[in-house]
ModelCIF file with pLDDT and N, C-alpha, C, O atoms, coordinates in Angstrom:
data_MODEL
#
_entry.id   MODEL 
#
_entity.id                         1 
_entity.type                       polymer 
_entity.pdbx_number_of_molecules   1 
#
_entity_poly.entity_id                      1 
_entity_poly.type                           'polypeptide(L)' 
_entity_poly.nstd_linkage                   no 
_entity_poly.nstd_monomer                   no 
_entity_poly.pdbx_seq_one_letter_code       
;(UNK)(UNK)(UNK)(UNK)(UNK)(UNK)(UNK)(UNK)(UNK)(UNK)(UNK)(UNK)(UNK)(UNK)(UNK)(UNK)
(UNK)(UNK)(UNK)(UNK)(UNK)(UNK)(UNK)(UNK)(UNK)(UNK)(UNK)(UNK)(UNK)(UNK)(UNK)(UNK)
(UNK)(UNK)(UNK)(UNK)(UNK)(UNK)(UNK)(UNK)(UNK)(UNK)(UNK)(UNK)(UNK)(UNK)
;
_entity_poly.pdbx_seq_one_letter_code_can   XXXXXXXXXXXXXXXXXXXXXXXXXXXXXXXXXXXXXXXXXXXXXX 
_entity_poly.pdbx_strand_id                 A 
#
loop_
_entity_poly_seq.entity_id 
_entity_poly_seq.num 
_entity_poly_seq.mon_id 
_entity_poly_seq.hetero 
1 1  UNK n 
1 2  UNK n 
1 3  UNK n 
1 4  UNK n 
1 5  UNK n 
1 6  UNK n 
1 7  UNK n 
1 8  UNK n 
1 9  UNK n 
1 10 UNK n 
1 11 UNK n 
1 12 UNK n 
1 13 UNK n 
1 14 UNK n 
1 15 UNK n 
1 16 UNK n 
1 17 UNK n 
1 18 UNK n 
1 19 UNK n 
1 20 UNK n 
1 21 UNK n 
1 22 UNK n 
1 23 UNK n 
1 24 UNK n 
1 25 UNK n 
1 26 UNK n 
1 27 UNK n 
1 28 UNK n 
1 29 UNK n 
1 30 UNK n 
1 31 UNK n 
1 32 UNK n 
1 33 UNK n 
1 34 UNK n 
1 35 UNK n 
1 36 UNK n 
1 37 UNK n 
1 38 UNK n 
1 39 UNK n 
1 40 UNK n 
1 41 UNK n 
1 42 UNK n 
1 43 UNK n 
1 44 UNK n 
1 45 UNK n 
1 46 UNK n 
#
_struct_asym.id          A 
_struct_asym.entity_id   1 
#
loop_
_ma_qa_metric.id 
_ma_qa_metric.mode 
_ma_qa_metric.name 
_ma_qa_metric.software_group_id 
_ma_qa_metric.type 
1 global pLDDT . pLDDT 
2 local  pLDDT . pLDDT 
#
_ma_qa_metric_global.metric_id      1 
_ma_qa_metric_global.metric_value   95.72 
_ma_qa_metric_global.model_id       1 
_ma_qa_metric_global.ordinal_id     1 
#
loop_
_ma_qa_metric_local.label_asym_id 
_ma_qa_metric_local.label_comp_id 
_ma_qa_metric_local.label_seq_id 
_ma_qa_metric_local.metric_id 
_ma_qa_metric_local.metric_value 
_ma_qa_metric_local.model_id 
_ma_qa_metric_local.ordinal_id 
A UNK 1  2 97.00 1 1  
A UNK 2  2 93.00 1 2  
A UNK 3  2 91.00 1 3  
A UNK 4  2 91.00 1 4  
A UNK 5  2 94.00 1 5  
A UNK 6  2 96.00 1 6  
A UNK 7  2 98.00 1 7  
A UNK 8  2 98.00 1 8  
A UNK 9  2 98.00 1 9  
A UNK 10 2 98.00 1 10 
A UNK 11 2 98.00 1 11 
A UNK 12 2 98.00 1 12 
A UNK 13 2 98.00 1 13 
A UNK 14 2 98.00 1 14 
A UNK 15 2 97.00 1 15 
A UNK 16 2 98.00 1 16 
A UNK 17 2 98.00 1 17 
A UNK 18 2 98.00 1 18 
A UNK 19 2 98.00 1 19 
A UNK 20 2 98.00 1 20 
A UNK 21 2 95.00 1 21 
A UNK 22 2 89.00 1 22 
A UNK 23 2 91.00 1 23 
A UNK 24 2 87.00 1 24 
A UNK 25 2 90.00 1 25 
A UNK 26 2 93.00 1 26 
A UNK 27 2 94.00 1 27 
A UNK 28 2 95.00 1 28 
A UNK 29 2 97.00 1 29 
A UNK 30 2 98.00 1 30 
A UNK 31 2 98.00 1 31 
A UNK 32 2 98.00 1 32 
A UNK 33 2 98.00 1 33 
A UNK 34 2 98.00 1 34 
A UNK 35 2 98.00 1 35 
A UNK 36 2 98.00 1 36 
A UNK 37 2 98.00 1 37 
A UNK 38 2 98.00 1 38 
A UNK 39 2 97.00 1 39 
A UNK 40 2 96.00 1 40 
A UNK 41 2 94.00 1 41 
A UNK 42 2 92.00 1 42 
A UNK 43 2 94.00 1 43 
A UNK 44 2 96.00 1 44 
A UNK 45 2 95.00 1 45 
A UNK 46 2 93.00 1 46 
#
loop_
_atom_site.group_PDB 
_atom_site.id 
_atom_site.type_symbol 
_atom_site.label_atom_id 
_atom_site.label_alt_id 
_atom_site.label_comp_id 
_atom_site.label_asym_id 
_atom_site.label_entity_id 
_atom_site.label_seq_id 
_atom_site.pdbx_PDB_ins_code 
_atom_site.Cartn_x 
_atom_site.Cartn_y 
_atom_site.Cartn_z 
_atom_site.occupancy 
_atom_site.B_iso_or_equiv 
_atom_site.pdbx_formal_charge 
_atom_site.auth_seq_id 
_atom_site.auth_comp_id 
_atom_site.auth_asym_id 
_atom_site.auth_atom_id 
_atom_site.pdbx_PDB_model_num 
ATOM 1   N N  . UNK A 1 1  ? 0.839   -1.192  0.000  1.00 97.00 ? 1  UNK A N  1 
ATOM 2   C CA . UNK A 1 1  ? 0.000   0.000   0.000  1.00 97.00 ? 1  UNK A CA 1 
ATOM 3   C C  . UNK A 1 1  ? 0.878   1.248   0.000  1.00 97.00 ? 1  UNK A C  1 
ATOM 4   O O  . UNK A 1 1  ? 1.977   1.239   0.555  1.00 97.00 ? 1  UNK A O  1 
ATOM 5   N N  . UNK A 1 2  ? 0.396   2.315   -0.619 1.00 93.00 ? 2  UNK A N  1 
ATOM 6   C CA . UNK A 1 2  ? 1.197   3.529   -0.774 1.00 93.00 ? 2  UNK A CA 1 
ATOM 7   C C  . UNK A 1 2  ? 0.901   4.590   0.277  1.00 93.00 ? 2  UNK A C  1 
ATOM 8   O O  . UNK A 1 2  ? 1.435   5.697   0.203  1.00 93.00 ? 2  UNK A O  1 
ATOM 9   N N  . UNK A 1 3  ? 0.059   4.270   1.252  1.00 91.00 ? 3  UNK A N  1 
ATOM 10  C CA . UNK A 1 3  ? -0.249  5.234   2.308  1.00 91.00 ? 3  UNK A CA 1 
ATOM 11  C C  . UNK A 1 3  ? -0.706  4.498   3.559  1.00 91.00 ? 3  UNK A C  1 
ATOM 12  O O  . UNK A 1 3  ? -1.190  3.368   3.496  1.00 91.00 ? 3  UNK A O  1 
ATOM 13  N N  . UNK A 1 4  ? -0.541  5.162   4.691  1.00 91.00 ? 4  UNK A N  1 
ATOM 14  C CA . UNK A 1 4  ? -0.964  4.604   5.979  1.00 91.00 ? 4  UNK A CA 1 
ATOM 15  C C  . UNK A 1 4  ? -2.435  4.208   5.954  1.00 91.00 ? 4  UNK A C  1 
ATOM 16  O O  . UNK A 1 4  ? -2.805  3.135   6.430  1.00 91.00 ? 4  UNK A O  1 
ATOM 17  N N  . UNK A 1 5  ? -3.269  5.076   5.401  1.00 94.00 ? 5  UNK A N  1 
ATOM 18  C CA . UNK A 1 5  ? -4.709  4.812   5.373  1.00 94.00 ? 5  UNK A CA 1 
ATOM 19  C C  . UNK A 1 5  ? -5.018  3.548   4.585  1.00 94.00 ? 5  UNK A C  1 
ATOM 20  O O  . UNK A 1 5  ? -5.956  2.822   4.914  1.00 94.00 ? 5  UNK A O  1 
ATOM 21  N N  . UNK A 1 6  ? -4.231  3.281   3.545  1.00 96.00 ? 6  UNK A N  1 
ATOM 22  C CA . UNK A 1 6  ? -4.441  2.083   2.747  1.00 96.00 ? 6  UNK A CA 1 
ATOM 23  C C  . UNK A 1 6  ? -4.168  0.818   3.534  1.00 96.00 ? 6  UNK A C  1 
ATOM 24  O O  . UNK A 1 6  ? -4.925  -0.149  3.444  1.00 96.00 ? 6  UNK A O  1 
ATOM 25  N N  . UNK A 1 7  ? -3.079  0.819   4.313  1.00 98.00 ? 7  UNK A N  1 
ATOM 26  C CA . UNK A 1 7  ? -2.756  -0.334  5.159  1.00 98.00 ? 7  UNK A CA 1 
ATOM 27  C C  . UNK A 1 7  ? -3.876  -0.572  6.167  1.00 98.00 ? 7  UNK A C  1 
ATOM 28  O O  . UNK A 1 7  ? -4.333  -1.701  6.345  1.00 98.00 ? 7  UNK A O  1 
ATOM 29  N N  . UNK A 1 8  ? -4.306  0.485   6.815  1.00 98.00 ? 8  UNK A N  1 
ATOM 30  C CA . UNK A 1 8  ? -5.359  0.368   7.829  1.00 98.00 ? 8  UNK A CA 1 
ATOM 31  C C  . UNK A 1 8  ? -6.649  -0.165  7.217  1.00 98.00 ? 8  UNK A C  1 
ATOM 32  O O  . UNK A 1 8  ? -7.321  -1.005  7.816  1.00 98.00 ? 8  UNK A O  1 
ATOM 33  N N  . UNK A 1 9  ? -6.995  0.313   6.037  1.00 98.00 ? 9  UNK A N  1 
ATOM 34  C CA . UNK A 1 9  ? -8.234  -0.107  5.384  1.00 98.00 ? 9  UNK A CA 1 
ATOM 35  C C  . UNK A 1 9  ? -8.194  -1.591  5.021  1.00 98.00 ? 9  UNK A C  1 
ATOM 36  O O  . UNK A 1 9  ? -9.170  -2.314  5.222  1.00 98.00 ? 9  UNK A O  1 
ATOM 37  N N  . UNK A 1 10 ? -7.056  -2.036  4.485  1.00 98.00 ? 10 UNK A N  1 
ATOM 38  C CA . UNK A 1 10 ? -6.932  -3.449  4.107  1.00 98.00 ? 10 UNK A CA 1 
ATOM 39  C C  . UNK A 1 10 ? -7.061  -4.340  5.339  1.00 98.00 ? 10 UNK A C  1 
ATOM 40  O O  . UNK A 1 10 ? -7.795  -5.328  5.323  1.00 98.00 ? 10 UNK A O  1 
ATOM 41  N N  . UNK A 1 11 ? -6.343  -3.986  6.407  1.00 98.00 ? 11 UNK A N  1 
ATOM 42  C CA . UNK A 1 11 ? -6.364  -4.805  7.625  1.00 98.00 ? 11 UNK A CA 1 
ATOM 43  C C  . UNK A 1 11 ? -7.754  -4.804  8.262  1.00 98.00 ? 11 UNK A C  1 
ATOM 44  O O  . UNK A 1 11 ? -8.208  -5.836  8.755  1.00 98.00 ? 11 UNK A O  1 
ATOM 45  N N  . UNK A 1 12 ? -8.419  -3.677  8.257  1.00 98.00 ? 12 UNK A N  1 
ATOM 46  C CA . UNK A 1 12 ? -9.754  -3.603  8.870  1.00 98.00 ? 12 UNK A CA 1 
ATOM 47  C C  . UNK A 1 12 ? -10.761 -4.466  8.122  1.00 98.00 ? 12 UNK A C  1 
ATOM 48  O O  . UNK A 1 12 ? -11.763 -4.885  8.701  1.00 98.00 ? 12 UNK A O  1 
ATOM 49  N N  . UNK A 1 13 ? -10.510 -4.735  6.856  1.00 98.00 ? 13 UNK A N  1 
ATOM 50  C CA . UNK A 1 13 ? -11.445 -5.518  6.059  1.00 98.00 ? 13 UNK A CA 1 
ATOM 51  C C  . UNK A 1 13 ? -11.051 -6.963  5.839  1.00 98.00 ? 13 UNK A C  1 
ATOM 52  O O  . UNK A 1 13 ? -11.780 -7.709  5.186  1.00 98.00 ? 13 UNK A O  1 
ATOM 53  N N  . UNK A 1 14 ? -9.900  -7.377  6.377  1.00 98.00 ? 14 UNK A N  1 
ATOM 54  C CA . UNK A 1 14 ? -9.399  -8.737  6.153  1.00 98.00 ? 14 UNK A CA 1 
ATOM 55  C C  . UNK A 1 14 ? -9.087  -9.390  7.499  1.00 98.00 ? 14 UNK A C  1 
ATOM 56  O O  . UNK A 1 14 ? -8.133  -8.983  8.162  1.00 98.00 ? 14 UNK A O  1 
ATOM 57  N N  . UNK A 1 15 ? -9.862  -10.387 7.921  1.00 97.00 ? 15 UNK A N  1 
ATOM 58  C CA . UNK A 1 15 ? -9.642  -11.031 9.219  1.00 97.00 ? 15 UNK A CA 1 
ATOM 59  C C  . UNK A 1 15 ? -8.270  -11.691 9.360  1.00 97.00 ? 15 UNK A C  1 
ATOM 60  O O  . UNK A 1 15 ? -7.834  -11.973 10.476 1.00 97.00 ? 15 UNK A O  1 
ATOM 61  N N  . UNK A 1 16 ? -7.596  -11.937 8.255  1.00 98.00 ? 16 UNK A N  1 
ATOM 62  C CA . UNK A 1 16 ? -6.314  -12.642 8.295  1.00 98.00 ? 16 UNK A CA 1 
ATOM 63  C C  . UNK A 1 16 ? -5.115  -11.759 7.981  1.00 98.00 ? 16 UNK A C  1 
ATOM 64  O O  . UNK A 1 16 ? -4.010  -12.264 7.782  1.00 98.00 ? 16 UNK A O  1 
ATOM 65  N N  . UNK A 1 17 ? -5.319  -10.455 7.935  1.00 98.00 ? 17 UNK A N  1 
ATOM 66  C CA . UNK A 1 17 ? -4.249  -9.529  7.557  1.00 98.00 ? 17 UNK A CA 1 
ATOM 67  C C  . UNK A 1 17 ? -3.461  -9.043  8.765  1.00 98.00 ? 17 UNK A C  1 
ATOM 68  O O  . UNK A 1 17 ? -3.960  -9.026  9.890  1.00 98.00 ? 17 UNK A O  1 
ATOM 69  N N  . UNK A 1 18 ? -2.218  -8.649  8.504  1.00 98.00 ? 18 UNK A N  1 
ATOM 70  C CA . UNK A 1 18 ? -1.376  -7.981  9.498  1.00 98.00 ? 18 UNK A CA 1 
ATOM 71  C C  . UNK A 1 18 ? -0.659  -6.836  8.793  1.00 98.00 ? 18 UNK A C  1 
ATOM 72  O O  . UNK A 1 18 ? -0.267  -6.962  7.634  1.00 98.00 ? 18 UNK A O  1 
ATOM 73  N N  . UNK A 1 19 ? -0.492  -5.730  9.488  1.00 98.00 ? 19 UNK A N  1 
ATOM 74  C CA . UNK A 1 19 ? 0.193   -4.582  8.900  1.00 98.00 ? 19 UNK A CA 1 
ATOM 75  C C  . UNK A 1 19 ? 0.829   -3.731  9.986  1.00 98.00 ? 19 UNK A C  1 
ATOM 76  O O  . UNK A 1 19 ? 0.789   -4.079  11.166 1.00 98.00 ? 19 UNK A O  1 
ATOM 77  N N  . UNK A 1 20 ? 1.413   -2.620  9.579  1.00 98.00 ? 20 UNK A N  1 
ATOM 78  C CA . UNK A 1 20 ? 2.011   -1.683  10.534 1.00 98.00 ? 20 UNK A CA 1 
ATOM 79  C C  . UNK A 1 20 ? 1.721   -0.264  10.077 1.00 98.00 ? 20 UNK A C  1 
ATOM 80  O O  . UNK A 1 20 ? 1.837   0.059   8.895  1.00 98.00 ? 20 UNK A O  1 
ATOM 81  N N  . UNK A 1 21 ? 1.341   0.580   11.032 1.00 95.00 ? 21 UNK A N  1 
ATOM 82  C CA . UNK A 1 21 ? 0.979   1.960   10.714 1.00 95.00 ? 21 UNK A CA 1 
ATOM 83  C C  . UNK A 1 21 ? 1.487   2.889   11.812 1.00 95.00 ? 21 UNK A C  1 
ATOM 84  O O  . UNK A 1 21 ? 1.896   2.443   12.884 1.00 95.00 ? 21 UNK A O  1 
ATOM 85  N N  . UNK A 1 22 ? 1.453   4.172   11.528 1.00 89.00 ? 22 UNK A N  1 
ATOM 86  C CA . UNK A 1 22 ? 1.744   5.190   12.530 1.00 89.00 ? 22 UNK A CA 1 
ATOM 87  C C  . UNK A 1 22 ? 0.743   5.099   13.670 1.00 89.00 ? 22 UNK A C  1 
ATOM 88  O O  . UNK A 1 22 ? -0.452  4.915   13.440 1.00 89.00 ? 22 UNK A O  1 
ATOM 89  N N  . UNK A 1 23 ? 1.236   5.232   14.914 1.00 91.00 ? 23 UNK A N  1 
ATOM 90  C CA . UNK A 1 23 ? 0.333   5.228   16.063 1.00 91.00 ? 23 UNK A CA 1 
ATOM 91  C C  . UNK A 1 23 ? -0.620  6.411   16.022 1.00 91.00 ? 23 UNK A C  1 
ATOM 92  O O  . UNK A 1 23 ? -1.694  6.366   16.622 1.00 91.00 ? 23 UNK A O  1 
ATOM 93  N N  . UNK A 1 24 ? -0.233  7.472   15.315 1.00 87.00 ? 24 UNK A N  1 
ATOM 94  C CA . UNK A 1 24 ? -1.112  8.625   15.174 1.00 87.00 ? 24 UNK A CA 1 
ATOM 95  C C  . UNK A 1 24 ? -2.300  8.354   14.268 1.00 87.00 ? 24 UNK A C  1 
ATOM 96  O O  . UNK A 1 24 ? -3.224  9.165   14.193 1.00 87.00 ? 24 UNK A O  1 
ATOM 97  N N  . UNK A 1 25 ? -2.282  7.213   13.574 1.00 90.00 ? 25 UNK A N  1 
ATOM 98  C CA . UNK A 1 25 ? -3.367  6.876   12.651 1.00 90.00 ? 25 UNK A CA 1 
ATOM 99  C C  . UNK A 1 25 ? -4.227  5.723   13.155 1.00 90.00 ? 25 UNK A C  1 
ATOM 100 O O  . UNK A 1 25 ? -5.045  5.183   12.410 1.00 90.00 ? 25 UNK A O  1 
ATOM 101 N N  . UNK A 1 26 ? -4.042  5.346   14.419 1.00 93.00 ? 26 UNK A N  1 
ATOM 102 C CA . UNK A 1 26 ? -4.855  4.278   15.001 1.00 93.00 ? 26 UNK A CA 1 
ATOM 103 C C  . UNK A 1 26 ? -6.304  4.741   15.138 1.00 93.00 ? 26 UNK A C  1 
ATOM 104 O O  . UNK A 1 26 ? -6.565  5.873   15.543 1.00 93.00 ? 26 UNK A O  1 
ATOM 105 N N  . UNK A 1 27 ? -7.240  3.858   14.799 1.00 94.00 ? 27 UNK A N  1 
ATOM 106 C CA . UNK A 1 27 ? -8.646  4.130   15.084 1.00 94.00 ? 27 UNK A CA 1 
ATOM 107 C C  . UNK A 1 27 ? -9.310  2.841   15.559 1.00 94.00 ? 27 UNK A C  1 
ATOM 108 O O  . UNK A 1 27 ? -8.637  1.823   15.724 1.00 94.00 ? 27 UNK A O  1 
ATOM 109 N N  . UNK A 1 28 ? -10.601 2.875   15.776 1.00 95.00 ? 28 UNK A N  1 
ATOM 110 C CA . UNK A 1 28 ? -11.285 1.719   16.351 1.00 95.00 ? 28 UNK A CA 1 
ATOM 111 C C  . UNK A 1 28 ? -11.653 0.668   15.317 1.00 95.00 ? 28 UNK A C  1 
ATOM 112 O O  . UNK A 1 28 ? -12.381 -0.275  15.625 1.00 95.00 ? 28 UNK A O  1 
ATOM 113 N N  . UNK A 1 29 ? -11.152 0.821   14.078 1.00 97.00 ? 29 UNK A N  1 
ATOM 114 C CA . UNK A 1 29 ? -11.441 -0.155  13.031 1.00 97.00 ? 29 UNK A CA 1 
ATOM 115 C C  . UNK A 1 29 ? -10.471 -1.339  13.057 1.00 97.00 ? 29 UNK A C  1 
ATOM 116 O O  . UNK A 1 29 ? -10.711 -2.356  12.405 1.00 97.00 ? 29 UNK A O  1 
ATOM 117 N N  . UNK A 1 30 ? -9.378  -1.206  13.810 1.00 98.00 ? 30 UNK A N  1 
ATOM 118 C CA . UNK A 1 30 ? -8.357  -2.249  13.832 1.00 98.00 ? 30 UNK A CA 1 
ATOM 119 C C  . UNK A 1 30 ? -7.922  -2.533  15.275 1.00 98.00 ? 30 UNK A C  1 
ATOM 120 O O  . UNK A 1 30 ? -8.260  -1.786  16.194 1.00 98.00 ? 30 UNK A O  1 
ATOM 121 N N  . UNK A 1 31 ? -7.170  -3.620  15.459 1.00 98.00 ? 31 UNK A N  1 
ATOM 122 C CA . UNK A 1 31 ? -6.633  -3.970  16.775 1.00 98.00 ? 31 UNK A CA 1 
ATOM 123 C C  . UNK A 1 31 ? -5.129  -3.731  16.765 1.00 98.00 ? 31 UNK A C  1 
ATOM 124 O O  . UNK A 1 31 ? -4.430  -4.110  15.826 1.00 98.00 ? 31 UNK A O  1 
ATOM 125 N N  . UNK A 1 32 ? -4.643  -3.092  17.836 1.00 98.00 ? 32 UNK A N  1 
ATOM 126 C CA . UNK A 1 32 ? -3.212  -2.845  17.982 1.00 98.00 ? 32 UNK A CA 1 
ATOM 127 C C  . UNK A 1 32 ? -2.620  -3.916  18.892 1.00 98.00 ? 32 UNK A C  1 
ATOM 128 O O  . UNK A 1 32 ? -3.122  -4.142  19.993 1.00 98.00 ? 32 UNK A O  1 
ATOM 129 N N  . UNK A 1 33 ? -1.559  -4.573  18.438 1.00 98.00 ? 33 UNK A N  1 
ATOM 130 C CA . UNK A 1 33 ? -0.924  -5.631  19.210 1.00 98.00 ? 33 UNK A CA 1 
ATOM 131 C C  . UNK A 1 33 ? 0.146   -5.083  20.144 1.00 98.00 ? 33 UNK A C  1 
ATOM 132 O O  . UNK A 1 33 ? 0.789   -4.078  19.843 1.00 98.00 ? 33 UNK A O  1 
ATOM 133 N N  . UNK A 1 34 ? 0.328   -5.742  21.266 1.00 98.00 ? 34 UNK A N  1 
ATOM 134 C CA . UNK A 1 34 ? 1.511   -5.509  22.089 1.00 98.00 ? 34 UNK A CA 1 
ATOM 135 C C  . UNK A 1 34 ? 2.698   -6.183  21.398 1.00 98.00 ? 34 UNK A C  1 
ATOM 136 O O  . UNK A 1 34 ? 2.525   -7.147  20.652 1.00 98.00 ? 34 UNK A O  1 
ATOM 137 N N  . UNK A 1 35 ? 3.882   -5.676  21.649 1.00 98.00 ? 35 UNK A N  1 
ATOM 138 C CA . UNK A 1 35 ? 5.100   -6.258  21.070 1.00 98.00 ? 35 UNK A CA 1 
ATOM 139 C C  . UNK A 1 35 ? 6.020   -6.671  22.209 1.00 98.00 ? 35 UNK A C  1 
ATOM 140 O O  . UNK A 1 35 ? 6.378   -5.856  23.059 1.00 98.00 ? 35 UNK A O  1 
ATOM 141 N N  . UNK A 1 36 ? 6.397   -7.938  22.216 1.00 98.00 ? 36 UNK A N  1 
ATOM 142 C CA . UNK A 1 36 ? 7.203   -8.477  23.321 1.00 98.00 ? 36 UNK A CA 1 
ATOM 143 C C  . UNK A 1 36 ? 6.538   -8.215  24.664 1.00 98.00 ? 36 UNK A C  1 
ATOM 144 O O  . UNK A 1 36 ? 7.212   -7.983  25.667 1.00 98.00 ? 36 UNK A O  1 
ATOM 145 N N  . UNK A 1 37 ? 5.205   -8.254  24.674 1.00 98.00 ? 37 UNK A N  1 
ATOM 146 C CA . UNK A 1 37 ? 4.457   -8.072  25.906 1.00 98.00 ? 37 UNK A CA 1 
ATOM 147 C C  . UNK A 1 37 ? 4.306   -6.631  26.354 1.00 98.00 ? 37 UNK A C  1 
ATOM 148 O O  . UNK A 1 37 ? 3.808   -6.374  27.450 1.00 98.00 ? 37 UNK A O  1 
ATOM 149 N N  . UNK A 1 38 ? 4.725   -5.695  25.531 1.00 98.00 ? 38 UNK A N  1 
ATOM 150 C CA . UNK A 1 38 ? 4.674   -4.273  25.899 1.00 98.00 ? 38 UNK A CA 1 
ATOM 151 C C  . UNK A 1 38 ? 3.635   -3.555  25.040 1.00 98.00 ? 38 UNK A C  1 
ATOM 152 O O  . UNK A 1 38 ? 3.664   -3.653  23.813 1.00 98.00 ? 38 UNK A O  1 
ATOM 153 N N  . UNK A 1 39 ? 2.728   -2.842  25.679 1.00 97.00 ? 39 UNK A N  1 
ATOM 154 C CA . UNK A 1 39 ? 1.681   -2.109  24.976 1.00 97.00 ? 39 UNK A CA 1 
ATOM 155 C C  . UNK A 1 39 ? 2.267   -0.905  24.244 1.00 97.00 ? 39 UNK A C  1 
ATOM 156 O O  . UNK A 1 39 ? 3.220   -0.279  24.708 1.00 97.00 ? 39 UNK A O  1 
ATOM 157 N N  . UNK A 1 40 ? 1.688   -0.601  23.114 1.00 96.00 ? 40 UNK A N  1 
ATOM 158 C CA . UNK A 1 40 ? 2.139   0.530   22.301 1.00 96.00 ? 40 UNK A CA 1 
ATOM 159 C C  . UNK A 1 40 ? 1.570   1.830   22.858 1.00 96.00 ? 40 UNK A C  1 
ATOM 160 O O  . UNK A 1 40 ? 0.473   2.247   22.485 1.00 96.00 ? 40 UNK A O  1 
ATOM 161 N N  . UNK A 1 41 ? 2.327   2.471   23.759 1.00 94.00 ? 41 UNK A N  1 
ATOM 162 C CA . UNK A 1 41 ? 1.900   3.731   24.364 1.00 94.00 ? 41 UNK A CA 1 
ATOM 163 C C  . UNK A 1 41 ? 3.069   4.709   24.384 1.00 94.00 ? 41 UNK A C  1 
ATOM 164 O O  . UNK A 1 41 ? 4.228   4.317   24.244 1.00 94.00 ? 41 UNK A O  1 
ATOM 165 N N  . UNK A 1 42 ? 2.743   5.999   24.561 1.00 92.00 ? 42 UNK A N  1 
ATOM 166 C CA . UNK A 1 42 ? 3.796   7.013   24.642 1.00 92.00 ? 42 UNK A CA 1 
ATOM 167 C C  . UNK A 1 42 ? 4.706   6.758   25.837 1.00 92.00 ? 42 UNK A C  1 
ATOM 168 O O  . UNK A 1 42 ? 5.928   6.862   25.728 1.00 92.00 ? 42 UNK A O  1 
ATOM 169 N N  . UNK A 1 43 ? 4.112   6.425   26.972 1.00 94.00 ? 43 UNK A N  1 
ATOM 170 C CA . UNK A 1 43 ? 4.913   6.194   28.181 1.00 94.00 ? 43 UNK A CA 1 
ATOM 171 C C  . UNK A 1 43 ? 5.925   5.085   27.952 1.00 94.00 ? 43 UNK A C  1 
ATOM 172 O O  . UNK A 1 43 ? 7.071   5.183   28.390 1.00 94.00 ? 43 UNK A O  1 
ATOM 173 N N  . UNK A 1 44 ? 5.503   4.029   27.266 1.00 96.00 ? 44 UNK A N  1 
ATOM 174 C CA . UNK A 1 44 ? 6.403   2.910   27.024 1.00 96.00 ? 44 UNK A CA 1 
ATOM 175 C C  . UNK A 1 44 ? 7.463   3.232   25.976 1.00 96.00 ? 44 UNK A C  1 
ATOM 176 O O  . UNK A 1 44 ? 8.552   2.658   25.993 1.00 96.00 ? 44 UNK A O  1 
ATOM 177 N N  . UNK A 1 45 ? 7.144   4.150   25.063 1.00 95.00 ? 45 UNK A N  1 
ATOM 178 C CA . UNK A 1 45 ? 8.166   4.616   24.114 1.00 95.00 ? 45 UNK A CA 1 
ATOM 179 C C  . UNK A 1 45 ? 9.224   5.423   24.860 1.00 95.00 ? 45 UNK A C  1 
ATOM 180 O O  . UNK A 1 45 ? 10.422  5.214   24.672 1.00 95.00 ? 45 UNK A O  1 
ATOM 181 N N  . UNK A 1 46 ? 8.771   6.345   25.708 1.00 93.00 ? 46 UNK A N  1 
ATOM 182 C CA . UNK A 1 46 ? 9.717   7.233   26.395 1.00 93.00 ? 46 UNK A CA 1 
ATOM 183 C C  . UNK A 1 46 ? 10.537  6.502   27.462 1.00 93.00 ? 46 UNK A C  1 
ATOM 184 O O  . UNK A 1 46 ? 11.374  7.115   28.125 1.00 93.00 ? 46 UNK A O  1 
#
């Protein structure tokens, strides 16, 4: 996909898809995974 929105749209419509997007583009159409047991949050980044 050529844009963040495209990745999000594909994943939201495909039960078997996986992708990666900017955290600033997260919405309630997709599920965000923890990585190595750590939640994707600003506090955990800092």
